Amino acid sequence: MKRLRLLLVDDHEVVRLGLRSLLNDEPDMEVVAEAGTAAEAVRLCRQFEPDVALLDVRLPDGSGIDACRIIRRSFPCQVLMLTSYADDDLVMDAINSGAAGYVLKQISVDELLRAIRAVGAGDAVLDPQITVRVLKRVRQLERSSSASAFHELSEREMQVLLLVAQGKSNAEIGKELHLSPTTVRNHVSAILSKLGLSNRIEAAIYAVRNHIEMFAPPD
């Protein structure tokens, strides 16, 4: 049986001792090295070539997230963040830095072992306590990104674009918004110019892709 080679990175020796004792008892795991700093973690990754590094977020000489970024860029090693910090920004930073998992030290032994095995197999893992919060944060970021897609448009242009996305003609849009067809045509031209689009079809696709229904003001 191939054993997962593990690197433990935590500035608390007692934590490392407990983890080492726990993990070395597993037939498919082996702790090959331990580090108390980010710099030491990178050095030991180069020396021991572990399969998975368990990294704390906060280390004496810097961020475990920075160490994660270096490790993922430089070595064929997966990273599981194991920490006491459930801060949303830290979780997002860890994911963006290449961490395959983020779990809290409060999780059960069985959950930790499953997380390590999952990460070692190439899967991604998030602690159940923070999964909902992370998904909410992602949705907020998506909403913010979508809103910025329309920031150059006026309220009236947003109303017109929403109706364009619904497949309505200039005449139908004019009737619904009480505008003349010429005015609607001018609004459509302005929308295409501001968004850098070529035609109504591109405008409709752009509007749907960026969820215009969440942002368009009422008629």
Protein backbone atom coordinates (compact mmCIF):
# COMPACT_ATOMS: atom_id res chain seq x y z
CA MET A 1 0.00 0.00 0.00
CA LYS A 2 1.35 3.39 -1.00
CA ARG A 3 1.42 5.70 2.00
CA LEU A 4 0.61 9.39 1.81
CA ARG A 5 3.72 11.35 2.70
CA LEU A 6 2.73 14.25 4.95
CA LEU A 7 4.35 17.52 5.99
CA LEU A 8 3.02 19.14 9.18
CA VAL A 9 3.34 22.92 9.41
CA ASP A 10 2.27 24.54 12.67
CA ASP A 11 4.13 26.82 15.05
CA HIS A 12 2.83 24.92 18.10
CA GLU A 13 4.97 21.89 18.85
CA VAL A 14 2.22 20.27 20.91
CA VAL A 15 -0.15 20.46 17.94
CA ARG A 16 2.44 18.85 15.68
CA LEU A 17 3.10 16.13 18.24
CA GLY A 18 -0.59 15.26 18.47
CA LEU A 19 -1.02 15.24 14.71
CA ARG A 20 2.10 13.15 14.16
CA SER A 21 0.96 10.54 16.68
CA LEU A 22 -2.51 10.42 15.14
CA LEU A 23 -1.46 10.27 11.50
CA ASN A 24 1.41 7.83 11.87
CA ASP A 25 -1.05 5.34 13.35
CA GLU A 26 -2.86 5.23 10.01
CA PRO A 27 -1.59 2.46 7.69
CA ASP A 28 -1.81 4.69 4.61
CA MET A 29 -0.15 7.80 6.08
CA GLU A 30 3.35 8.79 7.12
CA VAL A 31 4.56 12.09 8.54
CA VAL A 32 7.88 12.67 6.80
CA ALA A 33 8.67 16.16 8.13
CA GLU A 34 7.51 18.96 10.42
CA ALA A 35 7.94 22.72 10.22
CA GLY A 36 7.17 25.63 12.50
CA THR A 37 7.59 28.44 9.96
CA ALA A 38 6.61 29.23 6.38
CA ALA A 39 10.23 29.32 5.19
CA GLU A 40 10.95 25.95 6.78
CA ALA A 41 7.82 24.51 5.16
CA VAL A 42 9.04 25.47 1.69
CA ARG A 43 12.53 24.12 2.40
CA LEU A 44 11.19 20.79 3.70
CA CYS A 45 8.87 20.45 0.70
CA ARG A 46 11.92 20.61 -1.51
CA GLN A 47 13.83 18.15 0.66
CA PHE A 48 11.18 15.50 1.42
CA GLU A 49 8.73 15.85 -1.50
CA PRO A 50 5.56 15.21 0.54
CA ASP A 51 2.25 14.36 -1.11
CA VAL A 52 0.23 16.63 1.20
CA ALA A 53 1.24 19.57 3.37
CA LEU A 54 -0.99 20.43 6.33
CA LEU A 55 -0.53 24.16 6.79
CA ASP A 56 -1.70 26.53 9.50
CA VAL A 57 -2.83 29.93 8.21
CA ARG A 58 -0.78 32.03 10.62
CA LEU A 59 2.92 31.32 11.13
CA PRO A 60 5.63 33.29 12.96
CA ASP A 61 7.46 34.44 9.83
CA GLY A 62 4.46 35.10 7.62
CA SER A 63 1.31 33.67 6.15
CA GLY A 64 0.65 30.02 5.58
CA ILE A 65 -1.29 31.16 2.55
CA ASP A 66 1.86 32.69 1.06
CA ALA A 67 3.67 29.43 1.77
CA CYS A 68 0.82 27.57 0.09
CA ARG A 69 1.20 29.70 -3.03
CA ILE A 70 4.94 28.98 -3.23
CA ILE A 71 4.50 25.27 -2.57
CA ARG A 72 1.78 24.86 -5.18
CA ARG A 73 3.83 26.78 -7.74
CA SER A 74 7.08 24.92 -7.05
CA PHE A 75 6.28 21.35 -6.00
CA PRO A 76 3.88 18.49 -6.85
CA CYS A 77 2.38 18.74 -3.37
CA GLN A 78 -1.26 19.26 -2.41
CA VAL A 79 -2.03 21.66 0.44
CA LEU A 80 -4.64 21.26 3.15
CA MET A 81 -5.07 24.33 5.34
CA LEU A 82 -5.64 23.16 8.93
CA THR A 83 -6.35 26.11 11.17
CA SER A 84 -8.47 27.67 13.89
CA TYR A 85 -9.40 30.65 11.72
CA ALA A 86 -12.72 30.57 9.86
CA ASP A 87 -12.38 34.07 8.39
CA ASP A 88 -14.07 34.31 4.97
CA ASP A 89 -11.24 36.33 3.44
CA LEU A 90 -8.64 33.80 4.58
CA VAL A 91 -10.65 30.96 3.09
CA MET A 92 -10.96 32.73 -0.26
CA ASP A 93 -7.26 33.66 -0.23
CA ALA A 94 -6.31 30.06 0.51
CA ILE A 95 -8.43 28.75 -2.36
CA ASN A 96 -7.02 31.36 -4.72
CA SER A 97 -3.51 30.36 -3.63
CA GLY A 98 -4.04 26.78 -4.69
CA ALA A 99 -5.08 25.06 -1.47
CA ALA A 100 -7.10 21.92 -2.15
CA GLY A 101 -8.76 22.02 1.24
CA TYR A 102 -9.54 24.24 4.23
CA VAL A 103 -10.59 22.63 7.50
CA LEU A 104 -10.83 23.81 11.08
CA LYS A 105 -8.95 22.21 13.94
CA GLN A 106 -12.27 21.63 15.70
CA ILE A 107 -13.28 18.91 13.24
CA SER A 108 -13.39 15.28 14.35
CA VAL A 109 -10.53 12.87 13.83
CA ASP A 110 -12.51 10.91 11.24
CA GLU A 111 -13.32 14.08 9.30
CA LEU A 112 -9.67 15.13 9.32
CA LEU A 113 -8.51 11.75 8.06
CA ARG A 114 -11.12 11.81 5.30
CA ALA A 115 -10.03 15.32 4.32
CA ILE A 116 -6.36 14.32 4.09
CA ARG A 117 -7.16 11.27 2.00
CA ALA A 118 -9.43 13.30 -0.27
CA VAL A 119 -6.80 15.97 -0.84
CA GLY A 120 -4.15 13.31 -1.39
CA ALA A 121 -6.38 11.79 -4.06
CA GLY A 122 -6.70 15.13 -5.84
CA ASP A 123 -10.12 16.14 -4.52
CA ALA A 124 -11.12 19.42 -2.89
CA VAL A 125 -12.41 19.72 0.67
CA LEU A 126 -14.05 22.49 2.68
CA ASP A 127 -14.96 22.27 6.34
CA PRO A 128 -18.74 21.87 6.70
CA GLN A 129 -18.84 24.85 9.06
CA ILE A 130 -17.55 27.25 6.43
CA THR A 131 -18.93 25.77 3.19
CA VAL A 132 -22.20 27.71 3.37
CA ARG A 133 -20.38 30.95 4.15
CA VAL A 134 -17.95 30.48 1.28
CA LEU A 135 -20.74 29.77 -1.19
CA LYS A 136 -22.53 32.90 0.02
CA ARG A 137 -19.34 34.92 -0.45
CA VAL A 138 -18.89 33.53 -3.98
CA ARG A 139 -22.44 34.50 -4.86
CA GLN A 140 -21.84 38.00 -3.50
CA LEU A 141 -18.71 38.32 -5.63
CA GLU A 142 -20.60 37.08 -8.67
CA ARG A 143 -23.36 39.59 -8.02
CA SER A 144 -20.83 42.40 -7.64
CA SER A 145 -19.13 41.37 -10.87
CA SER A 146 -22.46 41.25 -12.70
CA ALA A 147 -23.49 44.65 -11.38
CA SER A 148 -20.26 46.19 -12.66
CA ALA A 149 -21.11 44.87 -16.13
CA PHE A 150 -23.89 47.47 -16.35
CA HIS A 151 -22.35 50.40 -14.47
CA GLU A 152 -22.20 52.64 -17.58
CA LEU A 153 -25.89 52.29 -18.39
CA SER A 154 -28.63 54.63 -17.23
CA GLU A 155 -31.81 53.35 -15.58
CA ARG A 156 -33.74 53.78 -18.82
CA GLU A 157 -31.05 51.94 -20.79
CA MET A 158 -31.21 49.11 -18.26
CA GLN A 159 -34.98 48.89 -18.77
CA VAL A 160 -34.52 48.78 -22.54
CA LEU A 161 -31.76 46.17 -22.34
CA LEU A 162 -33.87 43.94 -20.10
CA LEU A 163 -36.63 43.97 -22.73
CA VAL A 164 -34.10 43.36 -25.52
CA ALA A 165 -32.94 40.30 -23.56
CA GLN A 166 -36.56 39.14 -23.48
CA GLY A 167 -36.60 39.21 -27.29
CA LYS A 168 -38.88 42.20 -27.72
CA SER A 169 -38.77 44.44 -30.77
CA ASN A 170 -38.24 48.21 -30.67
CA ALA A 171 -41.95 48.74 -31.22
CA GLU A 172 -42.87 46.40 -28.37
CA ILE A 173 -40.30 48.02 -26.07
CA GLY A 174 -41.62 51.47 -26.99
CA LYS A 175 -45.18 50.45 -26.21
CA GLU A 176 -44.21 48.96 -22.83
CA LEU A 177 -42.05 51.93 -21.79
CA HIS A 178 -44.20 54.59 -23.47
CA LEU A 179 -41.40 55.65 -25.78
CA SER A 180 -41.30 56.28 -29.50
CA PRO A 181 -39.58 53.66 -31.70
CA THR A 182 -36.96 56.27 -32.58
CA THR A 183 -36.17 56.87 -28.92
CA VAL A 184 -35.92 53.14 -28.31
CA ARG A 185 -33.60 52.77 -31.30
CA ASN A 186 -31.39 55.55 -29.92
CA HIS A 187 -31.27 53.83 -26.53
CA VAL A 188 -30.30 50.52 -28.15
CA SER A 189 -27.53 52.24 -30.11
CA ALA A 190 -26.23 53.86 -26.93
CA ILE A 191 -26.30 50.52 -25.10
CA LEU A 192 -24.33 48.79 -27.86
CA SER A 193 -21.79 51.59 -27.90
CA LYS A 194 -21.29 51.66 -24.12
CA LEU A 195 -20.96 47.87 -23.84
CA GLY A 196 -18.80 47.50 -26.96
CA LEU A 197 -21.29 45.16 -28.63
CA SER A 198 -22.24 44.82 -32.30
CA ASN A 199 -25.92 43.94 -32.37
CA ARG A 200 -29.07 43.12 -30.40
CA ILE A 201 -28.26 39.43 -30.20
CA GLU A 202 -24.91 40.11 -28.54
CA ALA A 203 -26.66 42.56 -26.22
CA ALA A 204 -29.27 39.98 -25.22
CA ILE A 205 -26.61 37.33 -24.54
CA TYR A 206 -24.55 39.81 -22.51
CA ALA A 207 -27.58 40.80 -20.46
CA VAL A 208 -28.59 37.23 -19.68
CA ARG A 209 -25.05 36.14 -18.88
CA ASN A 210 -24.69 38.98 -16.37
CA HIS A 211 -28.10 38.41 -14.75
CA ILE A 212 -29.67 41.72 -15.72
CA GLU A 213 -32.96 40.68 -14.11
CA MET A 214 -31.36 41.27 -10.70
CA PHE A 215 -30.40 44.87 -11.49
CA ALA A 216 -32.85 46.40 -13.98
CA PRO A 217 -35.13 49.02 -12.36
CA PRO A 218 -38.90 48.60 -12.64
CA ASP A 219 -40.69 50.09 -15.64
